[in-house]
PDB file of N, CA and C in Angstrom:
ATOM      1  N   MET A   1       1.228  -1.236   0.189  1.00  0.00           N
ATOM      2  CA  MET A   1       0.209  -0.489  -0.239  1.00  0.00           C
ATOM      3  C   MET A   1       0.954   0.841  -0.162  1.00  0.00           C
ATOM      4  N   ASP A   2       2.290   1.333   0.871  1.00  0.00           N
ATOM      5  CA  ASP A   2       2.942   2.359   0.996  1.00  0.00           C
ATOM      6  C   ASP A   2       3.242   2.506  -0.671  1.00  0.00           C
ATOM      7  N   ASP A   3       3.979   1.623  -1.081  1.00  0.00           N
ATOM      8  CA  ASP A   3       4.262   1.662  -2.349  1.00  0.00           C
ATOM      9  C   ASP A   3       3.101   2.198  -3.540  1.00  0.00           C
ATOM     10  N   TYR A   4       2.076   2.146  -3.553  1.00  0.00           N
ATOM     11  CA  TYR A   4       1.147   3.147  -4.071  1.00  0.00           C
ATOM     12  C   TYR A   4       1.150   4.220  -3.393  1.00  0.00           C
ATOM     13  N   ARG A   5       0.952   4.300  -2.757  1.00  0.00           N
ATOM     14  CA  ARG A   5       0.758   6.089  -1.806  1.00  0.00           C
ATOM     15  C   ARG A   5       1.532   7.021  -2.388  1.00  0.00           C
ATOM     16  N   PHE A   6       3.205   6.225  -2.459  1.00  0.00           N
ATOM     17  CA  PHE A   6       4.695   6.967  -2.657  1.00  0.00           C
ATOM     18  C   PHE A   6       4.482   6.856  -4.320  1.00  0.00           C
ATOM     19  N   GLN A   7       4.259   6.015  -4.690  1.00  0.00           N
ATOM     20  CA  GLN A   7       4.452   6.739  -6.245  1.00  0.00           C
ATOM     21  C   GLN A   7       3.330   7.231  -6.591  1.00  0.00           C
ATOM     22  N   MET A   8       1.939   7.317  -6.514  1.00  0.00           N
ATOM     23  CA  MET A   8       0.857   7.890  -7.153  1.00  0.00           C
ATOM     24  C   MET A   8      -0.132   9.409  -6.204  1.00  0.00           C
ATOM     25  N   GLY A   9       0.241   9.346  -4.890  1.00  0.00           N
ATOM     26  CA  GLY A   9      -0.033  10.104  -3.993  1.00  0.00           C
ATOM     27  C   GLY A   9      -0.987   8.854  -2.776  1.00  0.00           C
ATOM     28  N   HIS A  10      -1.757   9.664  -2.002  1.00  0.00           N
ATOM     29  CA  HIS A  10      -2.340   8.999  -0.706  1.00  0.00           C
ATOM     30  C   HIS A  10      -4.123   8.576  -2.102  1.00  0.00           C
ATOM     31  N   ASP A  11      -4.107   9.717  -1.883  1.00  0.00           N
ATOM     32  CA  ASP A  11      -5.807   8.846  -2.937  1.00  0.00           C
ATOM     33  C   ASP A  11      -5.836   8.155  -3.689  1.00  0.00           C
ATOM     34  N   ALA A  12      -4.988   8.404  -4.872  1.00  0.00           N
ATOM     35  CA  ALA A  12      -4.638   7.925  -6.410  1.00  0.00           C
ATOM     36  C   ALA A  12      -4.437   6.499  -5.543  1.00  0.00           C
ATOM     37  N   GLY A  13      -3.402   5.971  -4.929  1.00  0.00           N
ATOM     38  CA  GLY A  13      -3.119   5.369  -4.251  1.00  0.00           C
ATOM     39  C   GLY A  13      -3.509   4.247  -3.750  1.00  0.00           C
ATOM     40  N   ASN A  14      -4.523   4.676  -2.536  1.00  0.00           N
ATOM     41  CA  ASN A  14      -5.701   4.100  -2.331  1.00  0.00           C
ATOM     42  C   ASN A  14      -6.279   3.615  -3.019  1.00  0.00           C
ATOM     43  N   LEU A  15      -7.094   4.112  -4.127  1.00  0.00           N
ATOM     44  CA  LEU A  15      -7.939   3.334  -5.202  1.00  0.00           C
ATOM     45  C   LEU A  15      -6.997   2.197  -6.322  1.00  0.00           C
ATOM     46  N   ALA A  16      -5.483   2.680  -6.669  1.00  0.00           N
ATOM     47  CA  ALA A  16      -5.079   2.102  -7.651  1.00  0.00           C
ATOM     48  C   ALA A  16      -5.210   0.039  -6.185  1.00  0.00           C
ATOM     49  N   LEU A  17      -4.742   0.347  -5.065  1.00  0.00           N
ATOM     50  CA  LEU A  17      -4.959  -0.932  -4.127  1.00  0.00           C
ATOM     51  C   LEU A  17      -6.095  -1.397  -4.411  1.00  0.00           C
ATOM     52  N   VAL A  18      -7.008  -0.789  -4.263  1.00  0.00           N
ATOM     53  CA  VAL A  18      -8.927  -1.342  -4.635  1.00  0.00           C
ATOM     54  C   VAL A  18      -8.670  -1.519  -6.079  1.00  0.00           C
ATOM     55  N   LEU A  19      -8.213  -1.202  -6.754  1.00  0.00           N
ATOM     56  CA  LEU A  19      -8.048  -1.992  -8.583  1.00  0.00           C
ATOM     57  C   LEU A  19      -7.466  -3.463  -8.218  1.00  0.00           C
ATOM     58  N   ASP A  20      -6.159  -3.560  -7.387  1.00  0.00           N
ATOM     59  CA  ASP A  20      -6.013  -4.717  -7.357  1.00  0.00           C
ATOM     60  C   ASP A  20      -6.528  -5.587  -6.543  1.00  0.00           C
ATOM     61  N   ASN A  21      -7.420  -4.911  -5.254  1.00  0.00           N
ATOM     62  CA  ASN A  21      -7.961  -6.411  -4.727  1.00  0.00           C
ATOM     63  C   ASN A  21      -9.012  -7.149  -5.626  1.00  0.00           C
ATOM     64  N   LEU A  22      -9.793  -5.551  -6.256  1.00  0.00           N
ATOM     65  CA  LEU A  22     -11.086  -6.295  -6.947  1.00  0.00           C
ATOM     66  C   LEU A  22     -10.829  -7.583  -7.729  1.00  0.00           C
ATOM     67  N   THR A  23      -9.081  -7.226  -8.856  1.00  0.00           N
ATOM     68  CA  THR A  23      -8.587  -7.613 -10.145  1.00  0.00           C
ATOM     69  C   THR A  23      -8.673  -9.427  -8.774  1.00  0.00           C
ATOM     70  N   ASP A  24      -7.880  -9.089  -7.934  1.00  0.00           N
ATOM     71  CA  ASP A  24      -7.863 -10.484  -7.237  1.00  0.00           C
ATOM     72  C   ASP A  24      -9.023 -11.558  -6.890  1.00  0.00           C
ATOM     73  N   VAL A  25      -9.897 -10.660  -6.366  1.00  0.00           N
ATOM     74  CA  VAL A  25     -11.479 -11.125  -5.907  1.00  0.00           C
ATOM     75  C   VAL A  25     -12.216 -11.557  -7.508  1.00  0.00           C
ATOM     76  N   LEU A  26     -12.116 -11.191  -8.730  1.00  0.00           N
ATOM     77  CA  LEU A  26     -12.333 -11.838  -9.607  1.00  0.00           C
ATOM     78  C   LEU A  26     -11.379 -12.817 -10.380  1.00  0.00           C
ATOM     79  N   ARG A  27     -10.210 -12.656 -10.173  1.00  0.00           N
ATOM     80  CA  ARG A  27      -9.497 -13.399 -10.540  1.00  0.00           C
ATOM     81  C   ARG A  27     -10.331 -15.224  -9.640  1.00  0.00           C
ATOM     82  N   LEU A  28     -10.303 -14.574  -8.427  1.00  0.00           N
ATOM     83  CA  LEU A  28     -10.822 -16.004  -7.577  1.00  0.00           C
ATOM     84  C   LEU A  28     -12.318 -16.325  -8.047  1.00  0.00           C
ATOM     85  N   LEU A  29     -12.913 -15.558  -7.530  1.00  0.00           N
ATOM     86  CA  LEU A  29     -14.617 -15.697  -8.531  1.00  0.00           C
ATOM     87  C   LEU A  29     -14.374 -16.653 -10.277  1.00  0.00           C
ATOM     88  N   GLY A  30     -13.535 -16.213 -10.638  1.00  0.00           N
ATOM     89  CA  GLY A  30     -13.152 -16.870 -11.808  1.00  0.00           C
ATOM     90  C   GLY A  30     -12.962 -18.679 -11.862  1.00  0.00           C
ATOM     91  N   GLN A  31     -12.140 -18.369 -10.599  1.00  0.00           N
ATOM     92  CA  GLN A  31     -11.770 -20.287 -10.856  1.00  0.00           C
ATOM     93  C   GLN A  31     -12.796 -20.634  -9.990  1.00  0.00           C
ATOM     94  N   HIS A  32     -14.004 -20.400  -9.570  1.00  0.00           N
ATOM     95  CA  HIS A  32     -14.830 -21.118  -8.453  1.00  0.00           C
ATOM     96  C   HIS A  32     -16.117 -20.744  -9.442  1.00  0.00           C
ATOM     97  N   LYS A  33     -15.820 -20.118 -10.411  1.00  0.00           N
ATOM     98  CA  LYS A  33     -17.052 -20.515 -11.791  1.00  0.00           C
ATOM     99  C   LYS A  33     -16.541 -21.832 -12.225  1.00  0.00           C
ATOM    100  N   VAL A  34     -15.238 -21.696 -12.565  1.00  0.00           N
ATOM    101  CA  VAL A  34     -14.909 -23.230 -13.722  1.00  0.00           C
ATOM    102  C   VAL A  34     -15.433 -24.053 -12.831  1.00  0.00           C
ATOM    103  N   TYR A  35     -15.171 -24.562 -11.094  1.00  0.00           N
ATOM    104  CA  TYR A  35     -15.496 -25.559 -10.570  1.00  0.00           C
ATOM    105  C   TYR A  35     -16.724 -25.853 -10.006  1.00  0.00           C
ATOM    106  N   CYS A  36     -17.553 -24.750  -9.805  1.00  0.00           N
ATOM    107  CA  CYS A  36     -18.770 -24.866  -9.590  1.00  0.00           C
ATOM    108  C   CYS A  36     -20.118 -24.242 -10.056  1.00  0.00           C
ATOM    109  N   ARG A  37     -20.679 -25.661 -10.800  1.00  0.00           N
ATOM    110  CA  ARG A  37     -21.737 -25.109 -12.014  1.00  0.00           C
ATOM    111  C   ARG A  37     -23.476 -26.072 -11.504  1.00  0.00           C
ATOM    112  N   VAL A  38     -24.212 -25.639 -11.872  1.00  0.00           N
ATOM    113  CA  VAL A  38     -25.477 -26.361 -11.609  1.00  0.00           C
ATOM    114  C   VAL A  38     -25.335 -27.496 -11.742  1.00  0.00           C
ATOM    115  N   GLU A  39     -26.158 -28.851 -11.298  1.00  0.00           N
ATOM    116  CA  GLU A  39     -25.358 -29.915 -11.758  1.00  0.00           C
ATOM    117  C   GLU A  39     -26.746 -29.927 -12.648  1.00  0.00           C
ATOM    118  N   LYS A  40     -28.397 -29.808 -12.603  1.00  0.00           N
ATOM    119  CA  LYS A  40     -29.748 -30.079 -12.822  1.00  0.00           C
ATOM    120  C   LYS A  40     -30.349 -28.844 -13.276  1.00  0.00           C
ATOM    121  N   GLY A  41     -31.646 -29.427 -14.195  1.00  0.00           N
ATOM    122  CA  GLY A  41     -32.353 -28.139 -14.953  1.00  0.00           C
ATOM    123  C   GLY A  41     -31.759 -27.432 -15.917  1.00  0.00           C
ATOM    124  N   LEU A  42     -32.497 -26.116 -16.179  1.00  0.00           N
ATOM    125  CA  LEU A  42     -31.971 -25.599 -17.175  1.00  0.00           C
ATOM    126  C   LEU A  42     -30.765 -24.878 -17.772  1.00  0.00           C
ATOM    127  N   ARG A  43     -30.271 -24.644 -16.165  1.00  0.00           N
ATOM    128  CA  ARG A  43     -28.560 -24.198 -16.577  1.00  0.00           C
ATOM    129  C   ARG A  43     -27.369 -25.281 -15.849  1.00  0.00           C
ATOM    130  N   ALA A  44     -28.182 -26.474 -16.519  1.00  0.00           N
ATOM    131  CA  ALA A  44     -26.998 -27.540 -15.970  1.00  0.00           C
ATOM    132  C   ALA A  44     -25.899 -26.818 -16.477  1.00  0.00           C
ATOM    133  N   GLY A  45     -24.679 -27.188 -16.312  1.00  0.00           N
ATOM    134  CA  GLY A  45     -23.534 -26.590 -16.288  1.00  0.00           C
ATOM    135  C   GLY A  45     -22.813 -25.089 -16.104  1.00  0.00           C
ATOM    136  N   GLU A  46     -23.229 -24.747 -16.294  1.00  0.00           N
ATOM    137  CA  GLU A  46     -23.313 -23.009 -16.003  1.00  0.00           C
ATOM    138  C   GLU A  46     -23.183 -22.991 -14.621  1.00  0.00           C
ATOM    139  N   PRO A  47     -21.819 -21.655 -14.290  1.00  0.00           N
ATOM    140  CA  PRO A  47     -22.097 -21.302 -12.678  1.00  0.00           C
ATOM    141  C   PRO A  47     -23.573 -20.389 -12.656  1.00  0.00           C
ATOM    142  N   PRO A  48     -23.525 -20.526 -10.506  1.00  0.00           N
ATOM    143  CA  PRO A  48     -24.656 -20.224 -10.498  1.00  0.00           C
ATOM    144  C   PRO A  48     -25.059 -19.136 -10.847  1.00  0.00           C
ATOM    145  N   LEU A  49     -26.263 -18.704 -10.133  1.00  0.00           N
ATOM    146  CA  LEU A  49     -26.661 -17.363 -10.619  1.00  0.00           C
ATOM    147  C   LEU A  49     -26.128 -16.262  -9.645  1.00  0.00           C
ATOM    148  N   ASP A  50     -26.004 -16.637  -8.169  1.00  0.00           N
ATOM    149  CA  ASP A  50     -25.295 -15.383  -7.789  1.00  0.00           C
ATOM    150  C   ASP A  50     -24.004 -15.083  -7.595  1.00  0.00           C
ATOM    151  N   ILE A  51     -23.578 -16.088  -8.210  1.00  0.00           N
ATOM    152  CA  ILE A  51     -21.889 -16.063  -8.914  1.00  0.00           C
ATOM    153  C   ILE A  51     -21.824 -15.380 -10.272  1.00  0.00           C
ATOM    154  N   VAL A  52     -22.691 -15.612 -11.031  1.00  0.00           N
ATOM    155  CA  VAL A  52     -22.758 -14.476 -12.060  1.00  0.00           C
ATOM    156  C   VAL A  52     -23.302 -13.266 -11.647  1.00  0.00           C
ATOM    157  N   GLU A  53     -24.081 -12.853 -10.692  1.00  0.00           N
ATOM    158  CA  GLU A  53     -24.335 -11.080 -10.743  1.00  0.00           C
ATOM    159  C   GLU A  53     -23.228 -10.646  -9.567  1.00  0.00           C
ATOM    160  N   LEU A  54     -22.479 -11.701  -9.066  1.00  0.00           N
ATOM    161  CA  LEU A  54     -21.606 -11.118  -8.190  1.00  0.00           C
ATOM    162  C   LEU A  54     -20.573 -10.878  -9.354  1.00  0.00           C
ATOM    163  N   THR A  55     -20.254 -11.063  -9.876  1.00  0.00           N
ATOM    164  CA  THR A  55     -19.414 -10.998 -10.513  1.00  0.00           C
ATOM    165  C   THR A  55     -19.938 -10.279 -11.797  1.00  0.00           C
ATOM    166  N   ARG A  56     -20.573  -9.640 -12.086  1.00  0.00           N
ATOM    167  CA  ARG A  56     -21.517  -8.445 -12.820  1.00  0.00           C
ATOM    168  C   ARG A  56     -21.122  -7.369 -12.260  1.00  0.00           C
ATOM    169  N   LEU A  57     -21.329  -7.473 -10.947  1.00  0.00           N
ATOM    170  CA  LEU A  57     -21.204  -6.097  -9.756  1.00  0.00           C
ATOM    171  C   LEU A  57     -19.697  -5.545  -9.481  1.00  0.00           C
ATOM    172  N   LEU A  58     -19.121  -6.874  -9.765  1.00  0.00           N
ATOM    173  CA  LEU A  58     -17.818  -6.553  -9.253  1.00  0.00           C
ATOM    174  C   LEU A  58     -17.137  -5.893 -10.466  1.00  0.00           C
ATOM    175  N   GLU A  59     -17.478  -6.563 -11.225  1.00  0.00           N
ATOM    176  CA  GLU A  59     -16.879  -5.983 -12.865  1.00  0.00           C
ATOM    177  C   GLU A  59     -17.041  -3.949 -12.746  1.00  0.00           C
ATOM    178  N   ALA A  60     -18.416  -4.286 -12.639  1.00  0.00           N
ATOM    179  CA  ALA A  60     -19.325  -2.327 -12.543  1.00  0.00           C
ATOM    180  C   ALA A  60     -18.037  -2.173 -11.411  1.00  0.00           C
ATOM    181  N   THR A  61     -18.242  -2.727 -10.228  1.00  0.00           N
ATOM    182  CA  THR A  61     -17.088  -1.918  -9.513  1.00  0.00           C
ATOM    183  C   THR A  61     -15.463  -0.987  -9.899  1.00  0.00           C
ATOM    184  N   LYS A  62     -15.442  -2.040 -10.402  1.00  0.00           N
ATOM    185  CA  LYS A  62     -13.754  -1.979 -10.224  1.00  0.00           C
ATOM    186  C   LYS A  62     -13.874  -1.051 -12.070  1.00  0.00           C
ATOM    187  N   ASP A  63     -14.429  -0.652 -12.801  1.00  0.00           N
ATOM    188  CA  ASP A  63     -14.699   0.433 -14.375  1.00  0.00           C
ATOM    189  C   ASP A  63     -14.996   1.175 -13.143  1.00  0.00           C
ATOM    190  N   LEU A  64     -15.483   1.553 -12.086  1.00  0.00           N
ATOM    191  CA  LEU A  64     -16.358   3.390 -11.225  1.00  0.00           C
ATOM    192  C   LEU A  64     -14.473   2.810 -10.962  1.00  0.00           C
ATOM    193  N   VAL A  65     -13.659   2.654 -10.257  1.00  0.00           N
ATOM    194  CA  VAL A  65     -12.604   2.819  -9.576  1.00  0.00           C
ATOM    195  C   VAL A  65     -11.898   3.200 -10.781  1.00  0.00           C
ATOM    196  N   LYS A  66     -12.100   1.976 -11.852  1.00  0.00           N
ATOM    197  CA  LYS A  66     -10.599   2.988 -12.637  1.00  0.00           C
ATOM    198  C   LYS A  66     -10.886   3.995 -13.202  1.00  0.00           C
ATOM    199  N   ASP A  67     -12.299   5.113 -13.293  1.00  0.00           N
ATOM    200  CA  ASP A  67     -12.473   6.182 -14.316  1.00  0.00           C
ATOM    201  C   ASP A  67     -11.628   6.933 -13.055  1.00  0.00           C
ATOM    202  N   SER A  68     -12.079   6.624 -11.904  1.00  0.00           N
ATOM    203  CA  SER A  68     -11.984   7.487 -10.762  1.00  0.00           C
ATOM    204  C   SER A  68     -10.500   7.963 -10.444  1.00  0.00           C
ATOM    205  N   LEU A  69     -10.039   6.634 -10.816  1.00  0.00           N
ATOM    206  CA  LEU A  69      -8.489   6.498 -10.725  1.00  0.00           C
ATOM    207  C   LEU A  69      -7.823   7.668 -12.087  1.00  0.00           C
ATOM    208  N   LEU A  70      -8.325   7.331 -13.306  1.00  0.00           N
ATOM    209  CA  LEU A  70      -8.066   8.463 -14.641  1.00  0.00           C
ATOM    210  C   LEU A  70      -8.428   9.746 -13.722  1.00  0.00           C
ATOM    211  N   ARG A  71      -9.367  10.241 -13.816  1.00  0.00           N
ATOM    212  CA  ARG A  71      -9.602  11.452 -13.385  1.00  0.00           C
ATOM    213  C   ARG A  71      -8.723  12.035 -12.294  1.00  0.00           C
ATOM    214  N   LEU A  72      -8.370  11.232 -11.203  1.00  0.00           N
ATOM    215  CA  LEU A  72      -7.759  11.949  -9.998  1.00  0.00           C
ATOM    216  C   LEU A  72      -5.698  11.784 -10.668  1.00  0.00           C
ATOM    217  N   LYS A  73      -5.808  10.913 -11.761  1.00  0.00           N
ATOM    218  CA  LYS A  73      -4.652  11.408 -12.614  1.00  0.00           C
ATOM    219  C   LYS A  73      -4.415  12.313 -12.769  1.00  0.00           C
ATOM    220  N   SER A  74      -5.474  13.104 -14.024  1.00  0.00           N
ATOM    221  CA  SER A  74      -6.077  13.711 -15.151  1.00  0.00           C
ATOM    222  C   SER A  74      -5.648  15.122 -13.903  1.00  0.00           C
ATOM    223  N   GLN A  75      -5.721  15.310 -13.075  1.00  0.00           N
ATOM    224  CA  GLN A  75      -6.127  16.287 -11.910  1.00  0.00           C
ATOM    225  C   GLN A  75      -4.516  16.859 -12.024  1.00  0.00           C
TER     226      GLN A  75
END
């Protein structure tokens, strides 16, 4: 965390750390989607809906953090 703050400043460094953490969570969730599948019904073989929704939400959050970081850098 101190590396990000040193390189980018306090606020931008914090956002960069959040972005890294979101990336790590999305990677772990992606691995989970591979192994956790619906076994029966119309959605057999697909990831559960809660995981799909969580992935969508985290990706949207990551995009918001990216936009905020870019705006902060341009100031």
